[in-house]
Amino acid sequence: MKYDVVQILGMILMAVFGQGLVRLLIDHDHRGLLGWLPGGLAPALAAYGVLTVAGIALTAWAYPRAKALGRR
């Protein structure tokens, strides 16, 4: 059950911050959820990228463990 929750959280991170990353690449002035970060475009792009990769990594880490327990 815990791997299912981790996998769901990873997918949510990937979807939310991946969408934000694409939106930020198109519209540089609107930084969305991470608009409070100082420093302009580059730190916001880096933060969105790191959080998107973290979501992908969480999902990739949890899936085989859930599958090994017979959950997939």
C-alpha atoms as a PDB file:
ATOM      1  CA  MET A   1       0.000   0.000   0.000  1.00  0.00           C
ATOM      2  CA  LYS A   2       2.792   2.464   0.787  1.00  0.00           C
ATOM      3  CA  TYR A   3       4.362   1.945  -2.632  1.00  0.00           C
ATOM      4  CA  ASP A   4       1.025   2.724  -4.241  1.00  0.00           C
ATOM      5  CA  VAL A   5       0.844   6.013  -2.329  1.00  0.00           C
ATOM      6  CA  VAL A   6       4.440   6.901  -3.246  1.00  0.00           C
ATOM      7  CA  GLN A   7       3.727   6.101  -6.882  1.00  0.00           C
ATOM      8  CA  ILE A   8       0.619   8.299  -6.867  1.00  0.00           C
ATOM      9  CA  LEU A   9       2.541  11.173  -5.240  1.00  0.00           C
ATOM     10  CA  GLY A  10       5.270  10.808  -7.863  1.00  0.00           C
ATOM     11  CA  MET A  11       2.720  10.974 -10.673  1.00  0.00           C
ATOM     12  CA  ILE A  12       1.122  14.074  -9.141  1.00  0.00           C
ATOM     13  CA  LEU A  13       4.534  15.768  -8.838  1.00  0.00           C
ATOM     14  CA  MET A  14       5.369  14.872 -12.421  1.00  0.00           C
ATOM     15  CA  ALA A  15       2.042  16.109 -13.800  1.00  0.00           C
ATOM     16  CA  VAL A  16       1.847  19.374 -11.861  1.00  0.00           C
ATOM     17  CA  PHE A  17       5.437  20.488 -12.203  1.00  0.00           C
ATOM     18  CA  GLY A  18       5.876  19.099 -15.722  1.00  0.00           C
ATOM     19  CA  GLN A  19       2.915  21.183 -16.844  1.00  0.00           C
ATOM     20  CA  GLY A  20       4.371  24.183 -15.021  1.00  0.00           C
ATOM     21  CA  LEU A  21       7.721  23.654 -16.726  1.00  0.00           C
ATOM     22  CA  VAL A  22       6.158  23.620 -20.188  1.00  0.00           C
ATOM     23  CA  ARG A  23       4.027  26.658 -19.359  1.00  0.00           C
ATOM     24  CA  LEU A  24       7.092  28.527 -18.093  1.00  0.00           C
ATOM     25  CA  LEU A  25       8.966  27.768 -21.302  1.00  0.00           C
ATOM     26  CA  ILE A  26       6.109  29.298 -23.297  1.00  0.00           C
ATOM     27  CA  ASP A  27       5.228  32.238 -21.007  1.00  0.00           C
ATOM     28  CA  HIS A  28       8.325  33.451 -19.143  1.00  0.00           C
ATOM     29  CA  ASP A  29       6.506  36.055 -17.059  1.00  0.00           C
ATOM     30  CA  HIS A  30       3.995  33.776 -15.319  1.00  0.00           C
ATOM     31  CA  ARG A  31       5.870  31.443 -12.941  1.00  0.00           C
ATOM     32  CA  GLY A  32       2.825  29.702 -11.451  1.00  0.00           C
ATOM     33  CA  LEU A  33       3.234  27.793  -8.172  1.00  0.00           C
ATOM     34  CA  LEU A  34       6.857  28.795  -7.804  1.00  0.00           C
ATOM     35  CA  GLY A  35       6.295  32.486  -8.466  1.00  0.00           C
ATOM     36  CA  TRP A  36       7.602  33.306  -4.994  1.00  0.00           C
ATOM     37  CA  LEU A  37      11.134  32.134  -5.879  1.00  0.00           C
ATOM     38  CA  PRO A  38      13.587  35.006  -6.263  1.00  0.00           C
ATOM     39  CA  GLY A  39      16.019  35.222  -9.142  1.00  0.00           C
ATOM     40  CA  GLY A  40      13.929  35.242 -12.289  1.00  0.00           C
ATOM     41  CA  LEU A  41      13.540  32.649 -14.983  1.00  0.00           C
ATOM     42  CA  ALA A  42      16.597  30.418 -14.485  1.00  0.00           C
ATOM     43  CA  PRO A  43      15.954  29.389 -10.852  1.00  0.00           C
ATOM     44  CA  ALA A  44      12.282  28.793 -11.616  1.00  0.00           C
ATOM     45  CA  LEU A  45      13.163  26.591 -14.599  1.00  0.00           C
ATOM     46  CA  ALA A  46      15.656  24.660 -12.494  1.00  0.00           C
ATOM     47  CA  ALA A  47      13.162  24.167  -9.658  1.00  0.00           C
ATOM     48  CA  TYR A  48      10.407  22.991 -11.993  1.00  0.00           C
ATOM     49  CA  GLY A  49      12.864  20.648 -13.706  1.00  0.00           C
ATOM     50  CA  VAL A  50      14.138  19.183 -10.428  1.00  0.00           C
ATOM     51  CA  LEU A  51      10.630  18.646  -9.082  1.00  0.00           C
ATOM     52  CA  THR A  52       9.506  17.025 -12.353  1.00  0.00           C
ATOM     53  CA  VAL A  53      12.485  14.663 -12.308  1.00  0.00           C
ATOM     54  CA  ALA A  54      11.807  13.912  -8.623  1.00  0.00           C
ATOM     55  CA  GLY A  55       8.264  12.888  -9.527  1.00  0.00           C
ATOM     56  CA  ILE A  56       9.520  10.639 -12.316  1.00  0.00           C
ATOM     57  CA  ALA A  57      12.123   9.105  -9.997  1.00  0.00           C
ATOM     58  CA  LEU A  58       9.574   8.442  -7.238  1.00  0.00           C
ATOM     59  CA  THR A  59       7.225   6.756  -9.677  1.00  0.00           C
ATOM     60  CA  ALA A  60      10.023   4.698 -11.223  1.00  0.00           C
ATOM     61  CA  TRP A  61      11.251   3.661  -7.782  1.00  0.00           C
ATOM     62  CA  ALA A  62       7.841   2.642  -6.422  1.00  0.00           C
ATOM     63  CA  TYR A  63       6.481   0.754  -9.431  1.00  0.00           C
ATOM     64  CA  PRO A  64       8.786  -2.316  -9.339  1.00  0.00           C
ATOM     65  CA  ARG A  65       8.368  -2.615  -5.575  1.00  0.00           C
ATOM     66  CA  ALA A  66       4.596  -2.579  -5.854  1.00  0.00           C
ATOM     67  CA  LYS A  67       4.823  -5.093  -8.705  1.00  0.00           C
ATOM     68  CA  ALA A  68       7.032  -7.402  -6.621  1.00  0.00           C
ATOM     69  CA  LEU A  69       4.335  -7.427  -3.929  1.00  0.00           C
ATOM     70  CA  GLY A  70       1.752  -8.457  -6.507  1.00  0.00           C
ATOM     71  CA  ARG A  71       0.009  -5.096  -6.648  1.00  0.00           C
ATOM     72  CA  ARG A  72       0.429  -4.749 -10.436  1.00  0.00           C
END
